[in-house]
């Protein structure tokens, strides 16, 4: 793994893990319903359904993003072990896909705008 890519993929995986944790927390809150306990039952059920659906959606997105980043890491590791033009093209394509995930986290305080230029 190159030193330029490792911090980027590590950072992305940390952000994905934070999104997963938040989605799980919101899903768990929705299951207990303590935030809406005073709402009419139909409102409670609607809110609960929306939050749970959103939580599932975010978790699915996180799983897809994690798979992309991890596949790029594996491709780069393979490239580091066996350099050839076909592998180089595949690695560059995977790293380009990973950089396409970066704007999702552009408002994070640790985001480095130079990552978008690479």
PDB file of N, CA and C in Angstrom:
ATOM      1  N   UNK A   1       0.850  -1.174   0.000  1.00  0.00           N
ATOM      2  CA  UNK A   1       0.000   0.000   0.000  1.00  0.00           C
ATOM      3  C   UNK A   1       0.891   1.230   0.000  1.00  0.00           C
ATOM      4  N   UNK A   2       0.589   2.191  -0.854  1.00  0.00           N
ATOM      5  CA  UNK A   2       1.418   3.390  -0.895  1.00  0.00           C
ATOM      6  C   UNK A   2       1.078   4.291   0.278  1.00  0.00           C
ATOM      7  N   UNK A   3       2.040   5.101   0.659  1.00  0.00           N
ATOM      8  CA  UNK A   3       1.817   5.976   1.817  1.00  0.00           C
ATOM      9  C   UNK A   3       0.774   7.042   1.521  1.00  0.00           C
ATOM     10  N   UNK A   4       0.595   7.431   0.252  1.00  0.00           N
ATOM     11  CA  UNK A   4      -0.414   8.435  -0.088  1.00  0.00           C
ATOM     12  C   UNK A   4      -1.826   7.887   0.055  1.00  0.00           C
ATOM     13  N   UNK A   5      -2.006   6.628  -0.302  1.00  0.00           N
ATOM     14  CA  UNK A   5      -3.345   6.051  -0.304  1.00  0.00           C
ATOM     15  C   UNK A   5      -3.772   5.550   1.071  1.00  0.00           C
ATOM     16  N   UNK A   6      -2.855   5.009   1.826  1.00  0.00           N
ATOM     17  CA  UNK A   6      -3.216   4.430   3.117  1.00  0.00           C
ATOM     18  C   UNK A   6      -3.973   5.398   4.015  1.00  0.00           C
ATOM     19  N   UNK A   7      -3.490   6.631   4.220  1.00  0.00           N
ATOM     20  CA  UNK A   7      -4.260   7.532   5.083  1.00  0.00           C
ATOM     21  C   UNK A   7      -5.652   7.830   4.524  1.00  0.00           C
ATOM     22  N   UNK A   8      -5.748   7.925   3.217  1.00  0.00           N
ATOM     23  CA  UNK A   8      -7.039   8.218   2.592  1.00  0.00           C
ATOM     24  C   UNK A   8      -8.027   7.073   2.812  1.00  0.00           C
ATOM     25  N   UNK A   9      -7.623   5.851   2.540  1.00  0.00           N
ATOM     26  CA  UNK A   9      -8.544   4.730   2.703  1.00  0.00           C
ATOM     27  C   UNK A   9      -8.851   4.483   4.180  1.00  0.00           C
ATOM     28  N   UNK A  10      -7.847   4.644   5.023  1.00  0.00           N
ATOM     29  CA  UNK A  10      -8.076   4.492   6.468  1.00  0.00           C
ATOM     30  C   UNK A  10      -9.079   5.535   6.941  1.00  0.00           C
ATOM     31  N   UNK A  11      -8.899   6.773   6.505  1.00  0.00           N
ATOM     32  CA  UNK A  11      -9.817   7.849   6.886  1.00  0.00           C
ATOM     33  C   UNK A  11     -11.228   7.555   6.391  1.00  0.00           C
ATOM     34  N   UNK A  12     -11.338   7.131   5.142  1.00  0.00           N
ATOM     35  CA  UNK A  12     -12.667   6.805   4.599  1.00  0.00           C
ATOM     36  C   UNK A  12     -13.329   5.685   5.392  1.00  0.00           C
ATOM     37  N   UNK A  13     -12.586   4.641   5.712  1.00  0.00           N
ATOM     38  CA  UNK A  13     -13.163   3.534   6.481  1.00  0.00           C
ATOM     39  C   UNK A  13     -13.605   3.993   7.869  1.00  0.00           C
ATOM     40  N   UNK A  14     -12.876   4.931   8.453  1.00  0.00           N
ATOM     41  CA  UNK A  14     -13.292   5.485   9.750  1.00  0.00           C
ATOM     42  C   UNK A  14     -14.605   6.255   9.619  1.00  0.00           C
ATOM     43  N   UNK A  15     -14.750   7.014   8.542  1.00  0.00           N
ATOM     44  CA  UNK A  15     -15.985   7.777   8.335  1.00  0.00           C
ATOM     45  C   UNK A  15     -17.170   6.833   8.083  1.00  0.00           C
ATOM     46  N   UNK A  16     -16.916   5.793   7.321  1.00  0.00           N
ATOM     47  CA  UNK A  16     -17.960   4.801   7.055  1.00  0.00           C
ATOM     48  C   UNK A  16     -18.381   4.130   8.364  1.00  0.00           C
ATOM     49  N   UNK A  17     -17.414   3.776   9.195  1.00  0.00           N
ATOM     50  CA  UNK A  17     -17.727   3.157  10.491  1.00  0.00           C
ATOM     51  C   UNK A  17     -18.537   4.108  11.368  1.00  0.00           C
ATOM     52  N   UNK A  18     -18.218   5.392  11.344  1.00  0.00           N
ATOM     53  CA  UNK A  18     -18.985   6.376  12.119  1.00  0.00           C
ATOM     54  C   UNK A  18     -20.414   6.472  11.604  1.00  0.00           C
ATOM     55  N   UNK A  19     -20.585   6.453  10.272  1.00  0.00           N
ATOM     56  CA  UNK A  19     -21.939   6.475   9.694  1.00  0.00           C
ATOM     57  C   UNK A  19     -22.727   5.234  10.097  1.00  0.00           C
ATOM     58  N   UNK A  20     -22.065   4.083  10.084  1.00  0.00           N
ATOM     59  CA  UNK A  20     -22.723   2.843  10.499  1.00  0.00           C
ATOM     60  C   UNK A  20     -23.161   2.913  11.954  1.00  0.00           C
ATOM     61  N   UNK A  21     -22.287   3.396  12.799  1.00  0.00           N
ATOM     62  CA  UNK A  21     -22.621   3.493  14.226  1.00  0.00           C
ATOM     63  C   UNK A  21     -23.809   4.420  14.442  1.00  0.00           C
ATOM     64  N   UNK A  22     -23.827   5.533  13.754  1.00  0.00           N
ATOM     65  CA  UNK A  22     -24.940   6.486  13.880  1.00  0.00           C
ATOM     66  C   UNK A  22     -26.249   5.870  13.366  1.00  0.00           C
ATOM     67  N   UNK A  23     -26.184   5.166  12.249  1.00  0.00           N
ATOM     68  CA  UNK A  23     -27.389   4.519  11.715  1.00  0.00           C
ATOM     69  C   UNK A  23     -27.904   3.449  12.671  1.00  0.00           C
ATOM     70  N   UNK A  24     -26.997   2.689  13.263  1.00  0.00           N
ATOM     71  CA  UNK A  24     -27.418   1.666  14.240  1.00  0.00           C
ATOM     72  C   UNK A  24     -28.041   2.315  15.474  1.00  0.00           C
ATOM     73  N   UNK A  25     -27.444   3.415  15.930  1.00  0.00           N
ATOM     74  CA  UNK A  25     -27.978   4.127  17.099  1.00  0.00           C
ATOM     75  C   UNK A  25     -29.385   4.655  16.801  1.00  0.00           C
ATOM     76  N   UNK A  26     -29.558   5.253  15.644  1.00  0.00           N
ATOM     77  CA  UNK A  26     -30.881   5.774  15.282  1.00  0.00           C
ATOM     78  C   UNK A  26     -31.895   4.644  15.142  1.00  0.00           C
ATOM     79  N   UNK A  27     -31.467   3.527  14.577  1.00  0.00           N
ATOM     80  CA  UNK A  27     -32.364   2.379  14.464  1.00  0.00           C
ATOM     81  C   UNK A  27     -32.766   1.843  15.819  1.00  0.00           C
ATOM     82  N   UNK A  28     -31.806   1.771  16.730  1.00  0.00           N
ATOM     83  CA  UNK A  28     -32.103   1.299  18.086  1.00  0.00           C
ATOM     84  C   UNK A  28     -33.025   2.269  18.806  1.00  0.00           C
ATOM     85  N   UNK A  29     -32.787   3.577  18.632  1.00  0.00           N
ATOM     86  CA  UNK A  29     -33.681   4.578  19.224  1.00  0.00           C
ATOM     87  C   UNK A  29     -35.099   4.421  18.692  1.00  0.00           C
ATOM     88  N   UNK A  30     -35.197   4.168  17.399  1.00  0.00           N
ATOM     89  CA  UNK A  30     -36.523   4.014  16.792  1.00  0.00           C
ATOM     90  C   UNK A  30     -37.240   2.789  17.358  1.00  0.00           C
ATOM     91  N   UNK A  31     -36.496   1.745  17.618  1.00  0.00           N
ATOM     92  CA  UNK A  31     -37.113   0.538  18.164  1.00  0.00           C
ATOM     93  C   UNK A  31     -37.628   0.757  19.581  1.00  0.00           C
ATOM     94  N   UNK A  32     -36.925   1.570  20.367  1.00  0.00           N
ATOM     95  CA  UNK A  32     -37.419   1.837  21.717  1.00  0.00           C
ATOM     96  C   UNK A  32     -38.549   2.858  21.684  1.00  0.00           C
ATOM     97  N   UNK A  33     -38.485   3.773  20.724  1.00  0.00           N
ATOM     98  CA  UNK A  33     -39.543   4.757  20.563  1.00  0.00           C
ATOM     99  C   UNK A  33     -39.599   5.825  21.634  1.00  0.00           C
ATOM    100  N   UNK A  34     -38.569   5.933  22.464  1.00  0.00           N
ATOM    101  CA  UNK A  34     -38.642   6.887  23.569  1.00  0.00           C
ATOM    102  C   UNK A  34     -38.777   8.334  23.098  1.00  0.00           C
ATOM    103  N   UNK A  35     -38.290   8.669  21.918  1.00  0.00           N
ATOM    104  CA  UNK A  35     -38.379  10.048  21.420  1.00  0.00           C
ATOM    105  C   UNK A  35     -39.812  10.430  21.055  1.00  0.00           C
ATOM    106  N   UNK A  36     -40.614   9.453  20.710  1.00  0.00           N
ATOM    107  CA  UNK A  36     -41.970   9.757  20.231  1.00  0.00           C
ATOM    108  C   UNK A  36     -43.046   9.189  21.146  1.00  0.00           C
ATOM    109  N   UNK A  37     -42.708   8.866  22.372  1.00  0.00           N
ATOM    110  CA  UNK A  37     -43.639   8.164  23.254  1.00  0.00           C
ATOM    111  C   UNK A  37     -44.924   8.947  23.511  1.00  0.00           C
ATOM    112  N   UNK A  38     -44.888  10.265  23.357  1.00  0.00           N
ATOM    113  CA  UNK A  38     -46.089  11.063  23.593  1.00  0.00           C
ATOM    114  C   UNK A  38     -46.864  11.359  22.311  1.00  0.00           C
ATOM    115  N   UNK A  39     -46.364  10.897  21.193  1.00  0.00           N
ATOM    116  CA  UNK A  39     -47.036  11.135  19.916  1.00  0.00           C
ATOM    117  C   UNK A  39     -48.204  10.168  19.756  1.00  0.00           C
ATOM    118  N   UNK A  40     -49.222  10.577  18.990  1.00  0.00           N
ATOM    119  CA  UNK A  40     -50.308   9.632  18.695  1.00  0.00           C
ATOM    120  C   UNK A  40     -49.743   8.378  18.019  1.00  0.00           C
ATOM    121  N   UNK A  41     -50.410   7.258  18.206  1.00  0.00           N
ATOM    122  CA  UNK A  41     -49.884   5.984  17.739  1.00  0.00           C
ATOM    123  C   UNK A  41     -49.588   5.973  16.244  1.00  0.00           C
ATOM    124  N   UNK A  42     -50.467   6.574  15.430  1.00  0.00           N
ATOM    125  CA  UNK A  42     -50.228   6.562  13.979  1.00  0.00           C
ATOM    126  C   UNK A  42     -48.988   7.383  13.608  1.00  0.00           C
ATOM    127  N   UNK A  43     -48.765   8.486  14.331  1.00  0.00           N
ATOM    128  CA  UNK A  43     -47.565   9.307  14.092  1.00  0.00           C
ATOM    129  C   UNK A  43     -46.336   8.545  14.546  1.00  0.00           C
ATOM    130  N   UNK A  44     -46.433   7.924  15.691  1.00  0.00           N
ATOM    131  CA  UNK A  44     -45.326   7.124  16.231  1.00  0.00           C
ATOM    132  C   UNK A  44     -44.926   6.052  15.230  1.00  0.00           C
ATOM    133  N   UNK A  45     -45.886   5.323  14.708  1.00  0.00           N
ATOM    134  CA  UNK A  45     -45.588   4.229  13.784  1.00  0.00           C
ATOM    135  C   UNK A  45     -44.983   4.758  12.484  1.00  0.00           C
ATOM    136  N   UNK A  46     -45.482   5.896  12.012  1.00  0.00           N
ATOM    137  CA  UNK A  46     -44.940   6.482  10.778  1.00  0.00           C
ATOM    138  C   UNK A  46     -43.491   6.931  10.980  1.00  0.00           C
ATOM    139  N   UNK A  47     -43.238   7.627  12.090  1.00  0.00           N
ATOM    140  CA  UNK A  47     -41.875   8.072  12.382  1.00  0.00           C
ATOM    141  C   UNK A  47     -40.935   6.884  12.560  1.00  0.00           C
ATOM    142  N   UNK A  48     -41.385   5.897  13.294  1.00  0.00           N
ATOM    143  CA  UNK A  48     -40.571   4.712  13.518  1.00  0.00           C
ATOM    144  C   UNK A  48     -40.241   4.032  12.195  1.00  0.00           C
ATOM    145  N   UNK A  49     -41.219   3.882  11.342  1.00  0.00           N
ATOM    146  CA  UNK A  49     -41.003   3.244  10.043  1.00  0.00           C
ATOM    147  C   UNK A  49     -40.018   4.013   9.177  1.00  0.00           C
ATOM    148  N   UNK A  50     -40.147   5.339   9.168  1.00  0.00           N
ATOM    149  CA  UNK A  50     -39.238   6.164   8.369  1.00  0.00           C
ATOM    150  C   UNK A  50     -37.801   6.074   8.883  1.00  0.00           C
ATOM    151  N   UNK A  51     -37.639   6.157  10.189  1.00  0.00           N
ATOM    152  CA  UNK A  51     -36.291   6.113  10.761  1.00  0.00           C
ATOM    153  C   UNK A  51     -35.663   4.739  10.538  1.00  0.00           C
ATOM    154  N   UNK A  52     -36.434   3.693  10.724  1.00  0.00           N
ATOM    155  CA  UNK A  52     -35.886   2.349  10.508  1.00  0.00           C
ATOM    156  C   UNK A  52     -35.520   2.120   9.042  1.00  0.00           C
ATOM    157  N   UNK A  53     -36.357   2.598   8.136  1.00  0.00           N
ATOM    158  CA  UNK A  53     -36.056   2.455   6.711  1.00  0.00           C
ATOM    159  C   UNK A  53     -34.792   3.237   6.351  1.00  0.00           C
ATOM    160  N   UNK A  54     -34.681   4.446   6.882  1.00  0.00           N
ATOM    161  CA  UNK A  54     -33.484   5.245   6.607  1.00  0.00           C
ATOM    162  C   UNK A  54     -32.242   4.580   7.195  1.00  0.00           C
ATOM    163  N   UNK A  55     -32.367   4.036   8.382  1.00  0.00           N
ATOM    164  CA  UNK A  55     -31.243   3.355   9.020  1.00  0.00           C
ATOM    165  C   UNK A  55     -30.778   2.173   8.169  1.00  0.00           C
ATOM    166  N   UNK A  56     -31.721   1.374   7.687  1.00  0.00           N
ATOM    167  CA  UNK A  56     -31.371   0.236   6.821  1.00  0.00           C
ATOM    168  C   UNK A  56     -30.691   0.717   5.543  1.00  0.00           C
ATOM    169  N   UNK A  57     -31.193   1.812   4.974  1.00  0.00           N
ATOM    170  CA  UNK A  57     -30.637   2.372   3.746  1.00  0.00           C
ATOM    171  C   UNK A  57     -29.191   2.826   3.976  1.00  0.00           C
ATOM    172  N   UNK A  58     -28.949   3.549   5.057  1.00  0.00           N
ATOM    173  CA  UNK A  58     -27.597   4.033   5.373  1.00  0.00           C
ATOM    174  C   UNK A  58     -26.654   2.857   5.611  1.00  0.00           C
ATOM    175  N   UNK A  59     -27.118   1.845   6.318  1.00  0.00           N
ATOM    176  CA  UNK A  59     -26.274   0.671   6.562  1.00  0.00           C
ATOM    177  C   UNK A  59     -25.918  -0.047   5.260  1.00  0.00           C
ATOM    178  N   UNK A  60     -26.863  -0.112   4.324  1.00  0.00           N
ATOM    179  CA  UNK A  60     -26.584  -0.729   3.024  1.00  0.00           C
ATOM    180  C   UNK A  60     -25.580   0.107   2.233  1.00  0.00           C
ATOM    181  N   UNK A  61     -25.726   1.424   2.280  1.00  0.00           N
ATOM    182  CA  UNK A  61     -24.757   2.297   1.611  1.00  0.00           C
ATOM    183  C   UNK A  61     -23.366   2.123   2.219  1.00  0.00           C
ATOM    184  N   UNK A  62     -23.307   2.077   3.526  1.00  0.00           N
ATOM    185  CA  UNK A  62     -22.021   1.905   4.205  1.00  0.00           C
ATOM    186  C   UNK A  62     -21.364   0.589   3.800  1.00  0.00           C
ATOM    187  N   UNK A  63     -22.148  -0.462   3.718  1.00  0.00           N
ATOM    188  CA  UNK A  63     -21.596  -1.765   3.319  1.00  0.00           C
ATOM    189  C   UNK A  63     -21.030  -1.691   1.897  1.00  0.00           C
ATOM    190  N   UNK A  64     -21.739  -1.011   1.007  1.00  0.00           N
ATOM    191  CA  UNK A  64     -21.258  -0.863  -0.372  1.00  0.00           C
ATOM    192  C   UNK A  64     -19.987  -0.018  -0.416  1.00  0.00           C
ATOM    193  N   UNK A  65     -19.983   1.078   0.313  1.00  0.00           N
ATOM    194  CA  UNK A  65     -18.797   1.948   0.336  1.00  0.00           C
ATOM    195  C   UNK A  65     -17.592   1.216   0.930  1.00  0.00           C
ATOM    196  N   UNK A  66     -17.822   0.501   2.011  1.00  0.00           N
ATOM    197  CA  UNK A  66     -16.738  -0.265   2.637  1.00  0.00           C
ATOM    198  C   UNK A  66     -16.176  -1.292   1.642  1.00  0.00           C
ATOM    199  N   UNK A  67     -17.043  -1.991   0.925  1.00  0.00           N
ATOM    200  CA  UNK A  67     -16.593  -2.997  -0.049  1.00  0.00           C
ATOM    201  C   UNK A  67     -15.749  -2.352  -1.145  1.00  0.00           C
ATOM    202  N   UNK A  68     -16.126  -1.173  -1.593  1.00  0.00           N
ATOM    203  CA  UNK A  68     -15.361  -0.465  -2.630  1.00  0.00           C
ATOM    204  C   UNK A  68     -13.971  -0.111  -2.115  1.00  0.00           C
ATOM    205  N   UNK A  69     -13.916   0.485  -0.928  1.00  0.00           N
ATOM    206  CA  UNK A  69     -12.630   0.901  -0.366  1.00  0.00           C
ATOM    207  C   UNK A  69     -11.739  -0.310  -0.105  1.00  0.00           C
ATOM    208  N   UNK A  70     -12.304  -1.355   0.463  1.00  0.00           N
ATOM    209  CA  UNK A  70     -11.504  -2.550   0.754  1.00  0.00           C
ATOM    210  C   UNK A  70     -11.025  -3.234  -0.520  1.00  0.00           C
ATOM    211  N   UNK A  71     -11.848  -3.232  -1.562  1.00  0.00           N
ATOM    212  CA  UNK A  71     -11.416  -3.824  -2.834  1.00  0.00           C
ATOM    213  C   UNK A  71     -10.265  -3.008  -3.422  1.00  0.00           C
ATOM    214  N   UNK A  72     -10.332  -1.694  -3.292  1.00  0.00           N
ATOM    215  CA  UNK A  72      -9.238  -0.848  -3.773  1.00  0.00           C
ATOM    216  C   UNK A  72      -7.959  -1.127  -2.988  1.00  0.00           C
ATOM    217  N   UNK A  73      -8.098  -1.307  -1.691  1.00  0.00           N
ATOM    218  CA  UNK A  73      -6.915  -1.629  -0.876  1.00  0.00           C
ATOM    219  C   UNK A  73      -6.296  -2.957  -1.314  1.00  0.00           C
ATOM    220  N   UNK A  74      -7.142  -3.958  -1.553  1.00  0.00           N
ATOM    221  CA  UNK A  74      -6.631  -5.260  -1.996  1.00  0.00           C
ATOM    222  C   UNK A  74      -5.970  -5.149  -3.374  1.00  0.00           C
ATOM    223  N   UNK A  75      -6.583  -4.372  -4.270  1.00  0.00           N
ATOM    224  CA  UNK A  75      -6.010  -4.198  -5.610  1.00  0.00           C
ATOM    225  C   UNK A  75      -4.656  -3.520  -5.527  1.00  0.00           C
ATOM    226  N   UNK A  76      -4.552  -2.522  -4.672  1.00  0.00           N
ATOM    227  CA  UNK A  76      -3.284  -1.825  -4.531  1.00  0.00           C
ATOM    228  C   UNK A  76      -2.222  -2.732  -3.903  1.00  0.00           C
ATOM    229  N   UNK A  77      -2.618  -3.537  -2.943  1.00  0.00           N
ATOM    230  CA  UNK A  77      -1.666  -4.472  -2.326  1.00  0.00           C
ATOM    231  C   UNK A  77      -1.174  -5.473  -3.360  1.00  0.00           C
ATOM    232  N   UNK A  78      -2.061  -5.953  -4.222  1.00  0.00           N
ATOM    233  CA  UNK A  78      -1.663  -6.884  -5.278  1.00  0.00           C
ATOM    234  C   UNK A  78      -0.713  -6.206  -6.257  1.00  0.00           C
ATOM    235  N   UNK A  79      -0.979  -4.943  -6.543  1.00  0.00           N
ATOM    236  CA  UNK A  79      -0.109  -4.194  -7.440  1.00  0.00           C
ATOM    237  C   UNK A  79       1.282  -4.039  -6.836  1.00  0.00           C
ATOM    238  N   UNK A  80       1.332  -3.762  -5.540  1.00  0.00           N
ATOM    239  CA  UNK A  80       2.615  -3.601  -4.869  1.00  0.00           C
ATOM    240  C   UNK A  80       3.435  -4.894  -4.924  1.00  0.00           C
ATOM    241  N   UNK A  81       2.744  -6.040  -4.980  1.00  0.00           N
ATOM    242  CA  UNK A  81       3.439  -7.323  -4.983  1.00  0.00           C
ATOM    243  C   UNK A  81       3.805  -7.786  -6.395  1.00  0.00           C
ATOM    244  N   UNK A  82       3.015  -7.378  -7.373  1.00  0.00           N
ATOM    245  CA  UNK A  82       3.235  -7.861  -8.739  1.00  0.00           C
ATOM    246  C   UNK A  82       2.919  -6.728  -9.709  1.00  0.00           C
ATOM    247  N   UNK A  83       3.927  -6.033 -10.142  1.00  0.00           N
ATOM    248  CA  UNK A  83       3.731  -4.870 -11.009  1.00  0.00           C
ATOM    249  C   UNK A  83       3.623  -5.340 -12.458  1.00  0.00           C
ATOM    250  N   UNK A  84       2.488  -4.981 -13.087  1.00  0.00           N
ATOM    251  CA  UNK A  84       2.317  -5.189 -14.522  1.00  0.00           C
ATOM    252  C   UNK A  84       1.288  -4.176 -15.024  1.00  0.00           C
ATOM    253  N   UNK A  85       1.282  -3.882 -16.319  1.00  0.00           N
ATOM    254  CA  UNK A  85       0.395  -2.824 -16.834  1.00  0.00           C
ATOM    255  C   UNK A  85      -1.090  -3.071 -16.567  1.00  0.00           C
ATOM    256  N   UNK A  86      -1.539  -4.308 -16.674  1.00  0.00           N
ATOM    257  CA  UNK A  86      -2.962  -4.593 -16.445  1.00  0.00           C
ATOM    258  C   UNK A  86      -3.339  -4.309 -15.000  1.00  0.00           C
ATOM    259  N   UNK A  87      -2.490  -4.712 -14.080  1.00  0.00           N
ATOM    260  CA  UNK A  87      -2.759  -4.456 -12.664  1.00  0.00           C
ATOM    261  C   UNK A  87      -2.720  -2.968 -12.383  1.00  0.00           C
ATOM    262  N   UNK A  88      -1.772  -2.269 -12.995  1.00  0.00           N
ATOM    263  CA  UNK A  88      -1.656  -0.824 -12.795  1.00  0.00           C
ATOM    264  C   UNK A  88      -2.937  -0.112 -13.222  1.00  0.00           C
ATOM    265  N   UNK A  89      -3.498  -0.471 -14.354  1.00  0.00           N
ATOM    266  CA  UNK A  89      -4.736   0.135 -14.840  1.00  0.00           C
ATOM    267  C   UNK A  89      -5.889  -0.165 -13.895  1.00  0.00           C
ATOM    268  N   UNK A  90      -5.975  -1.389 -13.423  1.00  0.00           N
ATOM    269  CA  UNK A  90      -7.050  -1.766 -12.497  1.00  0.00           C
ATOM    270  C   UNK A  90      -6.933  -1.005 -11.189  1.00  0.00           C
ATOM    271  N   UNK A  91      -5.716  -0.879 -10.692  1.00  0.00           N
ATOM    272  CA  UNK A  91      -5.504  -0.154  -9.430  1.00  0.00           C
ATOM    273  C   UNK A  91      -5.876   1.305  -9.602  1.00  0.00           C
ATOM    274  N   UNK A  92      -5.443   1.918 -10.666  1.00  0.00           N
ATOM    275  CA  UNK A  92      -5.775   3.330 -10.900  1.00  0.00           C
ATOM    276  C   UNK A  92      -7.291   3.521 -10.991  1.00  0.00           C
ATOM    277  N   UNK A  93      -7.982   2.599 -11.636  1.00  0.00           N
ATOM    278  CA  UNK A  93      -9.437   2.693 -11.744  1.00  0.00           C
ATOM    279  C   UNK A  93     -10.097   2.565 -10.372  1.00  0.00           C
ATOM    280  N   UNK A  94      -9.622   1.615  -9.568  1.00  0.00           N
ATOM    281  CA  UNK A  94     -10.194   1.436  -8.230  1.00  0.00           C
ATOM    282  C   UNK A  94      -9.951   2.663  -7.357  1.00  0.00           C
ATOM    283  N   UNK A  95      -8.753   3.221  -7.425  1.00  0.00           N
ATOM    284  CA  UNK A  95      -8.457   4.403  -6.617  1.00  0.00           C
ATOM    285  C   UNK A  95      -9.276   5.605  -7.073  1.00  0.00           C
ATOM    286  N   UNK A  96      -9.548   5.676  -8.362  1.00  0.00           N
ATOM    287  CA  UNK A  96     -10.406   6.750  -8.870  1.00  0.00           C
ATOM    288  C   UNK A  96     -11.825   6.599  -8.318  1.00  0.00           C
ATOM    289  N   UNK A  97     -12.313   5.378  -8.267  1.00  0.00           N
ATOM    290  CA  UNK A  97     -13.645   5.135  -7.698  1.00  0.00           C
ATOM    291  C   UNK A  97     -13.660   5.536  -6.220  1.00  0.00           C
ATOM    292  N   UNK A  98     -12.611   5.198  -5.493  1.00  0.00           N
ATOM    293  CA  UNK A  98     -12.542   5.568  -4.080  1.00  0.00           C
ATOM    294  C   UNK A  98     -12.598   7.081  -3.921  1.00  0.00           C
ATOM    295  N   UNK A  99     -11.880   7.811  -4.768  1.00  0.00           N
ATOM    296  CA  UNK A  99     -11.907   9.274  -4.652  1.00  0.00           C
ATOM    297  C   UNK A  99     -13.288   9.835  -4.954  1.00  0.00           C
ATOM    298  N   UNK A 100     -14.102   9.098  -5.706  1.00  0.00           N
ATOM    299  CA  UNK A 100     -15.475   9.541  -5.976  1.00  0.00           C
ATOM    300  C   UNK A 100     -16.346   9.494  -4.725  1.00  0.00           C
ATOM    301  N   UNK A 101     -15.924   8.733  -3.716  1.00  0.00           N
ATOM    302  CA  UNK A 101     -16.666   8.675  -2.454  1.00  0.00           C
ATOM    303  C   UNK A 101     -16.341   9.863  -1.549  1.00  0.00           C
ATOM    304  N   UNK A 102     -15.226  10.523  -1.796  1.00  0.00           N
ATOM    305  CA  UNK A 102     -14.769  11.587  -0.904  1.00  0.00           C
ATOM    306  C   UNK A 102     -15.754  12.737  -0.713  1.00  0.00           C
ATOM    307  N   UNK A 103     -16.424  13.240  -1.757  1.00  0.00           N
ATOM    308  CA  UNK A 103     -17.328  14.382  -1.545  1.00  0.00           C
ATOM    309  C   UNK A 103     -18.441  14.122  -0.514  1.00  0.00           C
ATOM    310  N   UNK A 104     -18.731  12.869  -0.257  1.00  0.00           N
ATOM    311  CA  UNK A 104     -19.729  12.541   0.756  1.00  0.00           C
ATOM    312  C   UNK A 104     -19.329  13.135   2.103  1.00  0.00           C
ATOM    313  N   UNK A 105     -18.030  13.184   2.352  1.00  0.00           N
ATOM    314  CA  UNK A 105     -17.513  13.623   3.648  1.00  0.00           C
ATOM    315  C   UNK A 105     -16.816  14.985   3.582  1.00  0.00           C
ATOM    316  N   UNK A 106     -17.088  15.763   2.547  1.00  0.00           N
ATOM    317  CA  UNK A 106     -16.409  17.051   2.362  1.00  0.00           C
ATOM    318  C   UNK A 106     -16.654  18.030   3.501  1.00  0.00           C
ATOM    319  N   UNK A 107     -17.751  17.876   4.235  1.00  0.00           N
ATOM    320  CA  UNK A 107     -18.030  18.805   5.343  1.00  0.00           C
ATOM    321  C   UNK A 107     -17.415  18.353   6.664  1.00  0.00           C
ATOM    322  N   UNK A 108     -16.692  17.229   6.659  1.00  0.00           N
ATOM    323  CA  UNK A 108     -16.040  16.735   7.877  1.00  0.00           C
ATOM    324  C   UNK A 108     -14.839  17.626   8.191  1.00  0.00           C
ATOM    325  N   UNK A 109     -14.622  17.957   9.468  1.00  0.00           N
ATOM    326  CA  UNK A 109     -13.512  18.856   9.822  1.00  0.00           C
ATOM    327  C   UNK A 109     -12.124  18.324   9.439  1.00  0.00           C
ATOM    328  N   UNK A 110     -11.957  17.017   9.359  1.00  0.00           N
ATOM    329  CA  UNK A 110     -10.652  16.443   9.002  1.00  0.00           C
ATOM    330  C   UNK A 110     -10.492  16.199   7.502  1.00  0.00           C
ATOM    331  N   UNK A 111     -11.481  16.589   6.733  1.00  0.00           N
ATOM    332  CA  UNK A 111     -11.416  16.379   5.280  1.00  0.00           C
ATOM    333  C   UNK A 111     -10.302  17.233   4.683  1.00  0.00           C
ATOM    334  N   UNK A 112      -9.529  16.648   3.806  1.00  0.00           N
ATOM    335  CA  UNK A 112      -8.449  17.348   3.133  1.00  0.00           C
ATOM    336  C   UNK A 112      -8.834  17.571   1.669  1.00  0.00           C
ATOM    337  N   UNK A 113      -9.135  18.814   1.285  1.00  0.00           N
ATOM    338  CA  UNK A 113      -9.555  19.075  -0.105  1.00  0.00           C
ATOM    339  C   UNK A 113      -8.540  18.622  -1.154  1.00  0.00           C
ATOM    340  N   UNK A 114      -7.284  18.501  -0.773  1.00  0.00           N
ATOM    341  CA  UNK A 114      -6.278  18.056  -1.748  1.00  0.00           C
ATOM    342  C   UNK A 114      -6.533  16.614  -2.203  1.00  0.00           C
ATOM    343  N   UNK A 115      -7.282  15.845  -1.405  1.00  0.00           N
ATOM    344  CA  UNK A 115      -7.615  14.477  -1.806  1.00  0.00           C
ATOM    345  C   UNK A 115      -8.417  14.460  -3.107  1.00  0.00           C
ATOM    346  N   UNK A 116      -9.206  15.505  -3.351  1.00  0.00           N
ATOM    347  CA  UNK A 116     -10.011  15.555  -4.560  1.00  0.00           C
ATOM    348  C   UNK A 116      -9.161  15.861  -5.798  1.00  0.00           C
ATOM    349  N   UNK A 117      -8.022  16.475  -5.597  1.00  0.00           N
ATOM    350  CA  UNK A 117      -7.158  16.846  -6.706  1.00  0.00           C
ATOM    351  C   UNK A 117      -6.251  15.699  -7.134  1.00  0.00           C
ATOM    352  N   UNK A 118      -6.134  14.682  -6.290  1.00  0.00           N
ATOM    353  CA  UNK A 118      -5.192  13.604  -6.644  1.00  0.00           C
ATOM    354  C   UNK A 118      -5.784  12.595  -7.585  1.00  0.00           C
TER     355      UNK A 118
END
